[in-house]
Amino acid sequence: MPAPLPTIVHITGMSGTGKSITLDILARRGWEAIDTDFGDWLVKDTDGDLIWDEPKIEARLGAVPPAGRLVIAGTVRNQGQLRNRFDAVVLLTAPLDIMLDRVPARATHPYGKSTAQQNDIRAYTRTVLPLLRANADLEIDTSMLDPEAVADVIEQFVDGRRPA
């Protein structure tokens, strides 16, 4: 029986939806996990906004071990440029009030603690979330599940899409 094809998943969503904790859980389960909010995965575009360093991300996507599972988390303006490189795009969502409760309390990420950043989250929920939803293969409301269950749903979805 041939080895299963590699699986490359992109987890996206607004701040406070659980991308980082889901990434951590998948990493503990044996996935290679990259949080593009950290490290040197981001560069500034001509407007000064942080976007993915496309050549760097592209190079990493091309280096997945033959039977490996790679998950990349992040939400940036240019993520659609690499959409065809992912086997699945998973959108994590939560009601706005829950996201705004989560971001100031988290210790793993500084974004979302200021009033200005929380106002950005409100605006992005109206303007960016519909775009993310239009390109997602799977949407998970993380307010309805504990983080382990979110990771379970992702793995079950991916396993259902993989060729036998």
N, C-alpha and C. Protein backbone atom coordinates (compact mmCIF):
# COMPACT_ATOMS: atom_id res chain seq x y z
N MET A 1 0.85 -1.17 0.00
CA MET A 1 0.00 0.00 0.00
C MET A 1 0.90 1.24 0.00
N PRO A 2 0.65 2.20 -0.88
CA PRO A 2 1.48 3.39 -0.92
C PRO A 2 1.28 4.24 0.33
N ALA A 3 2.32 5.01 0.67
CA ALA A 3 2.22 5.91 1.82
C ALA A 3 1.18 6.98 1.53
N PRO A 4 0.47 7.44 2.59
CA PRO A 4 -0.50 8.50 2.36
C PRO A 4 0.20 9.78 1.90
N LEU A 5 -0.52 10.55 1.12
CA LEU A 5 0.01 11.82 0.66
C LEU A 5 0.16 12.78 1.84
N PRO A 6 1.10 13.72 1.75
CA PRO A 6 1.22 14.70 2.82
C PRO A 6 -0.04 15.55 2.91
N THR A 7 -0.28 16.06 4.07
CA THR A 7 -1.43 16.92 4.31
C THR A 7 -0.93 18.28 4.78
N ILE A 8 -1.40 19.32 4.12
CA ILE A 8 -1.05 20.68 4.50
C ILE A 8 -2.34 21.44 4.77
N VAL A 9 -2.49 21.91 6.01
CA VAL A 9 -3.71 22.59 6.44
C VAL A 9 -3.37 24.01 6.87
N HIS A 10 -4.22 24.94 6.47
CA HIS A 10 -4.11 26.32 6.93
C HIS A 10 -5.26 26.58 7.89
N ILE A 11 -4.93 27.03 9.11
CA ILE A 11 -5.93 27.44 10.08
C ILE A 11 -5.94 28.96 10.10
N THR A 12 -7.12 29.53 9.87
CA THR A 12 -7.25 30.97 9.84
C THR A 12 -8.42 31.38 10.71
N GLY A 13 -8.55 32.67 10.95
CA GLY A 13 -9.65 33.19 11.75
C GLY A 13 -9.27 34.49 12.42
N MET A 14 -10.25 35.11 13.01
CA MET A 14 -10.02 36.37 13.72
C MET A 14 -9.23 36.12 15.01
N SER A 15 -8.69 37.17 15.57
CA SER A 15 -7.99 37.07 16.85
C SER A 15 -8.96 36.59 17.92
N GLY A 16 -8.49 35.67 18.75
CA GLY A 16 -9.31 35.17 19.85
C GLY A 16 -10.20 34.00 19.50
N THR A 17 -9.99 33.38 18.34
CA THR A 17 -10.82 32.24 17.97
C THR A 17 -10.19 30.90 18.35
N GLY A 18 -8.92 30.91 18.76
CA GLY A 18 -8.29 29.68 19.21
C GLY A 18 -7.29 29.07 18.26
N LYS A 19 -6.76 29.86 17.34
CA LYS A 19 -5.79 29.32 16.38
C LYS A 19 -4.55 28.78 17.08
N SER A 20 -3.99 29.55 17.99
CA SER A 20 -2.74 29.15 18.64
C SER A 20 -2.90 27.90 19.49
N ILE A 21 -3.96 27.81 20.27
CA ILE A 21 -4.13 26.62 21.12
C ILE A 21 -4.41 25.39 20.25
N THR A 22 -5.16 25.56 19.17
CA THR A 22 -5.41 24.44 18.27
C THR A 22 -4.11 23.98 17.63
N LEU A 23 -3.28 24.92 17.25
CA LEU A 23 -1.97 24.60 16.68
C LEU A 23 -1.13 23.82 17.68
N ASP A 24 -1.12 24.27 18.93
CA ASP A 24 -0.36 23.57 19.98
C ASP A 24 -0.84 22.13 20.17
N ILE A 25 -2.14 21.93 20.15
CA ILE A 25 -2.70 20.59 20.33
C ILE A 25 -2.32 19.70 19.14
N LEU A 26 -2.44 20.21 17.93
CA LEU A 26 -2.06 19.41 16.77
C LEU A 26 -0.57 19.09 16.79
N ALA A 27 0.25 20.02 17.26
CA ALA A 27 1.69 19.75 17.38
C ALA A 27 1.95 18.63 18.37
N ARG A 28 1.23 18.62 19.48
CA ARG A 28 1.38 17.53 20.47
C ARG A 28 0.94 16.19 19.88
N ARG A 29 0.07 16.22 18.89
CA ARG A 29 -0.42 15.00 18.24
C ARG A 29 0.46 14.58 17.07
N GLY A 30 1.57 15.26 16.86
CA GLY A 30 2.51 14.83 15.84
C GLY A 30 2.53 15.65 14.56
N TRP A 31 1.70 16.66 14.47
CA TRP A 31 1.73 17.54 13.31
C TRP A 31 2.93 18.47 13.42
N GLU A 32 3.52 18.82 12.29
CA GLU A 32 4.45 19.95 12.30
C GLU A 32 3.59 21.19 12.27
N ALA A 33 3.83 22.11 13.19
CA ALA A 33 2.96 23.27 13.34
C ALA A 33 3.76 24.57 13.26
N ILE A 34 3.24 25.51 12.48
CA ILE A 34 3.88 26.81 12.32
C ILE A 34 2.84 27.89 12.61
N ASP A 35 3.15 28.72 13.59
CA ASP A 35 2.33 29.89 13.89
C ASP A 35 3.01 31.07 13.22
N THR A 36 2.43 31.57 12.15
CA THR A 36 3.09 32.62 11.37
C THR A 36 3.08 33.98 12.07
N ASP A 37 2.43 34.07 13.22
CA ASP A 37 2.49 35.31 14.00
C ASP A 37 3.84 35.46 14.69
N PHE A 38 4.59 34.39 14.76
CA PHE A 38 5.88 34.40 15.46
C PHE A 38 6.98 33.94 14.51
N GLY A 39 8.18 34.37 14.79
CA GLY A 39 9.30 34.03 13.91
C GLY A 39 9.38 35.04 12.78
N ASP A 40 10.01 34.64 11.71
CA ASP A 40 10.22 35.57 10.60
C ASP A 40 9.39 35.20 9.37
N TRP A 41 8.17 34.79 9.59
CA TRP A 41 7.26 34.41 8.51
C TRP A 41 6.57 35.62 7.90
N LEU A 42 6.65 36.77 8.56
CA LEU A 42 5.94 37.97 8.11
C LEU A 42 6.92 39.04 7.64
N VAL A 43 6.48 39.81 6.66
CA VAL A 43 7.21 40.98 6.19
C VAL A 43 6.21 42.12 6.06
N LYS A 44 6.72 43.33 5.98
CA LYS A 44 5.83 44.48 5.78
C LYS A 44 5.64 44.72 4.29
N ASP A 45 4.39 44.99 3.92
CA ASP A 45 4.12 45.33 2.52
C ASP A 45 4.33 46.82 2.32
N THR A 46 4.01 47.32 1.14
CA THR A 46 4.26 48.73 0.82
C THR A 46 3.42 49.68 1.68
N ASP A 47 2.30 49.18 2.24
CA ASP A 47 1.46 49.99 3.13
C ASP A 47 1.89 49.89 4.59
N GLY A 48 2.90 49.05 4.85
CA GLY A 48 3.36 48.86 6.23
C GLY A 48 2.61 47.77 6.98
N ASP A 49 1.69 47.08 6.31
CA ASP A 49 0.96 45.97 6.93
C ASP A 49 1.81 44.71 6.90
N LEU A 50 1.65 43.88 7.93
CA LEU A 50 2.36 42.61 7.96
C LEU A 50 1.62 41.60 7.08
N ILE A 51 2.38 40.96 6.20
CA ILE A 51 1.86 39.92 5.32
C ILE A 51 2.83 38.74 5.35
N TRP A 52 2.38 37.60 4.82
CA TRP A 52 3.27 36.46 4.75
C TRP A 52 4.43 36.74 3.81
N ASP A 53 5.60 36.26 4.19
CA ASP A 53 6.77 36.25 3.30
C ASP A 53 6.52 35.08 2.36
N GLU A 54 5.91 35.36 1.21
CA GLU A 54 5.45 34.30 0.31
C GLU A 54 6.56 33.34 -0.12
N PRO A 55 7.74 33.81 -0.52
CA PRO A 55 8.77 32.84 -0.89
C PRO A 55 9.16 31.92 0.27
N LYS A 56 9.20 32.46 1.46
CA LYS A 56 9.57 31.64 2.62
C LYS A 56 8.47 30.61 2.93
N ILE A 57 7.21 31.04 2.92
CA ILE A 57 6.10 30.11 3.17
C ILE A 57 6.06 29.06 2.06
N GLU A 58 6.20 29.49 0.82
CA GLU A 58 6.16 28.57 -0.32
C GLU A 58 7.27 27.52 -0.19
N ALA A 59 8.46 27.94 0.20
CA ALA A 59 9.57 26.99 0.37
C ALA A 59 9.25 25.98 1.46
N ARG A 60 8.64 26.43 2.54
CA ARG A 60 8.30 25.52 3.64
C ARG A 60 7.21 24.55 3.22
N LEU A 61 6.25 25.01 2.45
CA LEU A 61 5.18 24.13 1.99
C LEU A 61 5.71 23.05 1.06
N GLY A 62 6.77 23.34 0.35
CA GLY A 62 7.35 22.36 -0.57
C GLY A 62 8.25 21.36 0.12
N ALA A 63 8.50 21.51 1.41
CA ALA A 63 9.42 20.64 2.12
C ALA A 63 8.72 19.71 3.11
N VAL A 64 7.44 19.44 2.91
CA VAL A 64 6.70 18.54 3.80
C VAL A 64 7.18 17.12 3.58
N PRO A 65 7.49 16.38 4.64
CA PRO A 65 7.89 14.98 4.47
C PRO A 65 6.78 14.19 3.77
N PRO A 66 7.12 13.15 3.02
CA PRO A 66 6.14 12.41 2.22
C PRO A 66 4.90 11.95 2.98
N ALA A 67 5.02 11.55 4.21
CA ALA A 67 3.85 11.10 4.96
C ALA A 67 3.50 12.08 6.07
N GLY A 68 3.97 13.31 5.96
CA GLY A 68 3.83 14.28 7.03
C GLY A 68 2.53 15.05 7.02
N ARG A 69 2.31 15.68 8.15
CA ARG A 69 1.17 16.58 8.30
C ARG A 69 1.72 17.92 8.77
N LEU A 70 1.39 18.95 8.03
CA LEU A 70 1.84 20.30 8.34
C LEU A 70 0.61 21.18 8.51
N VAL A 71 0.61 21.96 9.57
CA VAL A 71 -0.47 22.91 9.80
C VAL A 71 0.16 24.28 10.02
N ILE A 72 -0.38 25.26 9.31
CA ILE A 72 0.10 26.64 9.39
C ILE A 72 -1.07 27.49 9.85
N ALA A 73 -0.84 28.31 10.86
CA ALA A 73 -1.89 29.19 11.36
C ALA A 73 -1.50 30.63 11.13
N GLY A 74 -2.50 31.43 10.80
CA GLY A 74 -2.30 32.86 10.63
C GLY A 74 -3.37 33.45 9.75
N THR A 75 -3.56 34.73 9.92
CA THR A 75 -4.53 35.45 9.10
C THR A 75 -3.87 36.73 8.63
N VAL A 76 -3.61 36.78 7.34
CA VAL A 76 -2.96 37.95 6.74
C VAL A 76 -3.62 38.24 5.39
N ARG A 77 -3.40 39.43 4.91
CA ARG A 77 -4.05 39.88 3.69
C ARG A 77 -3.67 39.05 2.47
N ASN A 78 -2.46 38.53 2.40
CA ASN A 78 -2.02 37.82 1.20
C ASN A 78 -2.12 36.29 1.31
N GLN A 79 -2.82 35.78 2.31
CA GLN A 79 -2.89 34.32 2.46
C GLN A 79 -3.56 33.65 1.26
N GLY A 80 -4.44 34.35 0.58
CA GLY A 80 -5.11 33.78 -0.59
C GLY A 80 -4.16 33.49 -1.74
N GLN A 81 -3.01 34.16 -1.76
CA GLN A 81 -2.03 33.92 -2.81
C GLN A 81 -1.52 32.48 -2.79
N LEU A 82 -1.59 31.84 -1.62
CA LEU A 82 -1.09 30.47 -1.47
C LEU A 82 -2.22 29.46 -1.26
N ARG A 83 -3.45 29.87 -1.49
CA ARG A 83 -4.61 29.01 -1.23
C ARG A 83 -4.49 27.66 -1.91
N ASN A 84 -3.99 27.64 -3.13
CA ASN A 84 -3.92 26.37 -3.87
C ASN A 84 -2.85 25.43 -3.33
N ARG A 85 -2.04 25.86 -2.40
CA ARG A 85 -0.99 25.02 -1.82
C ARG A 85 -1.49 24.25 -0.59
N PHE A 86 -2.71 24.57 -0.12
CA PHE A 86 -3.25 23.91 1.06
C PHE A 86 -4.26 22.85 0.67
N ASP A 87 -4.19 21.71 1.35
CA ASP A 87 -5.19 20.67 1.12
C ASP A 87 -6.52 21.05 1.74
N ALA A 88 -6.47 21.85 2.80
CA ALA A 88 -7.69 22.30 3.46
C ALA A 88 -7.41 23.62 4.16
N VAL A 89 -8.41 24.49 4.12
CA VAL A 89 -8.38 25.72 4.89
C VAL A 89 -9.49 25.62 5.92
N VAL A 90 -9.10 25.74 7.19
CA VAL A 90 -10.03 25.63 8.30
C VAL A 90 -10.19 27.01 8.93
N LEU A 91 -11.41 27.48 8.99
CA LEU A 91 -11.72 28.77 9.59
C LEU A 91 -12.26 28.54 11.00
N LEU A 92 -11.57 29.11 11.99
CA LEU A 92 -12.06 29.09 13.35
C LEU A 92 -12.82 30.38 13.61
N THR A 93 -14.01 30.26 14.17
CA THR A 93 -14.84 31.43 14.47
C THR A 93 -15.32 31.36 15.90
N ALA A 94 -15.82 32.49 16.37
CA ALA A 94 -16.47 32.59 17.68
C ALA A 94 -17.27 33.89 17.65
N PRO A 95 -18.31 33.99 18.45
CA PRO A 95 -19.03 35.26 18.52
C PRO A 95 -18.08 36.39 18.96
N LEU A 96 -18.35 37.58 18.47
CA LEU A 96 -17.48 38.72 18.73
C LEU A 96 -17.26 38.95 20.22
N ASP A 97 -18.30 38.85 21.03
CA ASP A 97 -18.13 39.11 22.47
C ASP A 97 -17.18 38.09 23.11
N ILE A 98 -17.19 36.88 22.64
CA ILE A 98 -16.27 35.86 23.17
C ILE A 98 -14.84 36.16 22.72
N MET A 99 -14.66 36.53 21.46
CA MET A 99 -13.31 36.89 21.00
C MET A 99 -12.77 38.05 21.82
N LEU A 100 -13.60 39.05 22.06
CA LEU A 100 -13.14 40.23 22.81
C LEU A 100 -12.89 39.91 24.28
N ASP A 101 -13.52 38.88 24.81
CA ASP A 101 -13.21 38.42 26.18
C ASP A 101 -11.90 37.65 26.21
N ARG A 102 -11.63 36.90 25.17
CA ARG A 102 -10.43 36.05 25.14
C ARG A 102 -9.14 36.82 24.93
N VAL A 103 -9.12 37.79 24.01
CA VAL A 103 -7.85 38.41 23.63
C VAL A 103 -7.14 39.14 24.78
N PRO A 104 -7.82 39.85 25.66
CA PRO A 104 -7.06 40.51 26.74
C PRO A 104 -6.53 39.51 27.77
N ALA A 105 -7.16 38.36 27.86
CA ALA A 105 -6.79 37.38 28.88
C ALA A 105 -5.67 36.45 28.46
N ARG A 106 -5.38 36.37 27.19
CA ARG A 106 -4.37 35.40 26.75
C ARG A 106 -2.96 35.90 27.07
N ALA A 107 -2.13 34.93 27.41
CA ALA A 107 -0.74 35.25 27.76
C ALA A 107 0.21 34.97 26.60
N THR A 108 -0.28 34.30 25.57
CA THR A 108 0.59 33.86 24.48
C THR A 108 0.73 34.86 23.35
N HIS A 109 -0.10 35.89 23.32
CA HIS A 109 -0.09 36.82 22.20
C HIS A 109 -0.46 38.21 22.70
N PRO A 110 0.31 39.22 22.32
CA PRO A 110 0.03 40.57 22.82
C PRO A 110 -1.11 41.29 22.10
N TYR A 111 -1.47 40.85 20.91
CA TYR A 111 -2.46 41.58 20.12
C TYR A 111 -3.86 41.46 20.74
N GLY A 112 -4.56 42.59 20.74
CA GLY A 112 -5.95 42.61 21.16
C GLY A 112 -6.18 43.18 22.54
N LYS A 113 -5.15 43.61 23.19
CA LYS A 113 -5.29 44.10 24.56
C LYS A 113 -5.70 45.58 24.63
N SER A 114 -5.38 46.34 23.60
CA SER A 114 -5.72 47.76 23.61
C SER A 114 -7.12 47.99 23.03
N THR A 115 -7.70 49.13 23.39
CA THR A 115 -9.02 49.50 22.85
C THR A 115 -8.95 49.63 21.33
N ALA A 116 -7.89 50.22 20.81
CA ALA A 116 -7.76 50.38 19.36
C ALA A 116 -7.71 49.02 18.67
N GLN A 117 -6.97 48.07 19.22
CA GLN A 117 -6.89 46.74 18.62
C GLN A 117 -8.23 46.02 18.71
N GLN A 118 -8.94 46.19 19.81
CA GLN A 118 -10.26 45.56 19.93
C GLN A 118 -11.24 46.17 18.93
N ASN A 119 -11.10 47.48 18.68
CA ASN A 119 -11.93 48.10 17.63
C ASN A 119 -11.57 47.55 16.25
N ASP A 120 -10.28 47.28 16.03
CA ASP A 120 -9.87 46.64 14.77
C ASP A 120 -10.52 45.27 14.63
N ILE A 121 -10.54 44.50 15.72
CA ILE A 121 -11.15 43.17 15.68
C ILE A 121 -12.63 43.30 15.31
N ARG A 122 -13.32 44.28 15.88
CA ARG A 122 -14.72 44.50 15.53
C ARG A 122 -14.87 44.78 14.03
N ALA A 123 -14.02 45.67 13.52
CA ALA A 123 -14.09 46.04 12.09
C ALA A 123 -13.73 44.85 11.21
N TYR A 124 -12.68 44.12 11.56
CA TYR A 124 -12.26 42.97 10.75
C TYR A 124 -13.32 41.88 10.74
N THR A 125 -14.06 41.76 11.82
CA THR A 125 -15.12 40.76 11.87
C THR A 125 -16.19 41.09 10.83
N ARG A 126 -16.42 42.37 10.60
CA ARG A 126 -17.41 42.78 9.58
C ARG A 126 -16.83 42.68 8.17
N THR A 127 -15.55 43.00 8.00
CA THR A 127 -15.01 43.13 6.65
C THR A 127 -14.17 41.93 6.18
N VAL A 128 -13.38 41.36 7.08
CA VAL A 128 -12.47 40.28 6.70
C VAL A 128 -13.10 38.90 6.87
N LEU A 129 -13.85 38.71 7.93
CA LEU A 129 -14.44 37.39 8.19
C LEU A 129 -15.24 36.85 7.00
N PRO A 130 -16.07 37.65 6.33
CA PRO A 130 -16.78 37.10 5.16
C PRO A 130 -15.84 36.60 4.07
N LEU A 131 -14.70 37.26 3.88
CA LEU A 131 -13.73 36.81 2.88
C LEU A 131 -13.11 35.48 3.30
N LEU A 132 -12.78 35.36 4.58
CA LEU A 132 -12.22 34.10 5.08
C LEU A 132 -13.23 32.97 4.93
N ARG A 133 -14.46 33.27 5.26
CA ARG A 133 -15.53 32.26 5.18
C ARG A 133 -15.70 31.77 3.74
N ALA A 134 -15.59 32.66 2.77
CA ALA A 134 -15.78 32.30 1.36
C ALA A 134 -14.70 31.35 0.85
N ASN A 135 -13.54 31.35 1.50
CA ASN A 135 -12.42 30.51 1.04
C ASN A 135 -12.14 29.30 1.93
N ALA A 136 -12.96 29.10 2.95
CA ALA A 136 -12.73 28.00 3.88
C ALA A 136 -13.38 26.71 3.40
N ASP A 137 -12.70 25.61 3.69
CA ASP A 137 -13.27 24.28 3.44
C ASP A 137 -14.09 23.79 4.62
N LEU A 138 -13.76 24.30 5.80
CA LEU A 138 -14.41 23.88 7.04
C LEU A 138 -14.42 25.06 7.98
N GLU A 139 -15.56 25.30 8.62
CA GLU A 139 -15.68 26.35 9.64
C GLU A 139 -16.06 25.70 10.96
N ILE A 140 -15.34 26.08 12.01
CA ILE A 140 -15.60 25.53 13.34
C ILE A 140 -15.83 26.69 14.31
N ASP A 141 -16.99 26.69 14.97
CA ASP A 141 -17.28 27.68 16.01
C ASP A 141 -16.62 27.18 17.30
N THR A 142 -15.54 27.84 17.69
CA THR A 142 -14.76 27.39 18.85
C THR A 142 -15.42 27.73 20.18
N SER A 143 -16.52 28.47 20.15
CA SER A 143 -17.23 28.73 21.40
C SER A 143 -18.07 27.52 21.79
N MET A 144 -18.26 26.60 20.85
CA MET A 144 -19.12 25.44 21.08
C MET A 144 -18.35 24.19 21.49
N LEU A 145 -17.01 24.22 21.37
CA LEU A 145 -16.19 23.03 21.62
C LEU A 145 -14.98 23.39 22.46
N ASP A 146 -14.48 22.43 23.22
CA ASP A 146 -13.21 22.67 23.90
C ASP A 146 -12.09 22.51 22.87
N PRO A 147 -10.90 23.05 23.15
CA PRO A 147 -9.83 23.02 22.15
C PRO A 147 -9.45 21.62 21.66
N GLU A 148 -9.47 20.62 22.52
CA GLU A 148 -9.16 19.25 22.07
C GLU A 148 -10.18 18.78 21.04
N ALA A 149 -11.45 19.12 21.26
CA ALA A 149 -12.50 18.72 20.32
C ALA A 149 -12.34 19.45 18.99
N VAL A 150 -11.88 20.71 19.02
CA VAL A 150 -11.63 21.44 17.78
C VAL A 150 -10.56 20.70 16.97
N ALA A 151 -9.48 20.29 17.63
CA ALA A 151 -8.43 19.54 16.95
C ALA A 151 -8.96 18.20 16.42
N ASP A 152 -9.83 17.56 17.20
CA ASP A 152 -10.45 16.31 16.73
C ASP A 152 -11.22 16.52 15.43
N VAL A 153 -12.01 17.58 15.37
CA VAL A 153 -12.82 17.86 14.18
C VAL A 153 -11.91 18.08 12.97
N ILE A 154 -10.82 18.82 13.17
CA ILE A 154 -9.89 19.06 12.07
C ILE A 154 -9.30 17.75 11.58
N GLU A 155 -8.84 16.91 12.50
CA GLU A 155 -8.23 15.64 12.09
C GLU A 155 -9.24 14.74 11.40
N GLN A 156 -10.47 14.69 11.90
CA GLN A 156 -11.49 13.87 11.27
C GLN A 156 -11.81 14.38 9.86
N PHE A 157 -11.87 15.68 9.70
CA PHE A 157 -12.12 16.28 8.40
C PHE A 157 -11.00 15.94 7.42
N VAL A 158 -9.77 16.13 7.87
CA VAL A 158 -8.62 15.86 7.01
C VAL A 158 -8.55 14.37 6.66
N ASP A 159 -8.78 13.51 7.64
CA ASP A 159 -8.72 12.07 7.37
C ASP A 159 -9.81 11.66 6.38
N GLY A 160 -10.94 12.31 6.42
CA GLY A 160 -12.04 12.00 5.49
C GLY A 160 -11.72 12.46 4.07
N ARG A 161 -10.82 13.42 3.89
CA ARG A 161 -10.45 13.94 2.57
C ARG A 161 -9.24 13.24 1.98
N ARG A 162 -8.49 12.52 2.82
CA ARG A 162 -7.25 11.88 2.34
C ARG A 162 -7.58 10.64 1.53
N PRO A 163 -6.86 10.41 0.45
CA PRO A 163 -7.07 9.17 -0.30
C PRO A 163 -6.62 7.97 0.52
N ALA A 164 -7.29 6.85 0.33
CA ALA A 164 -6.94 5.64 1.08
C ALA A 164 -5.64 5.05 0.60
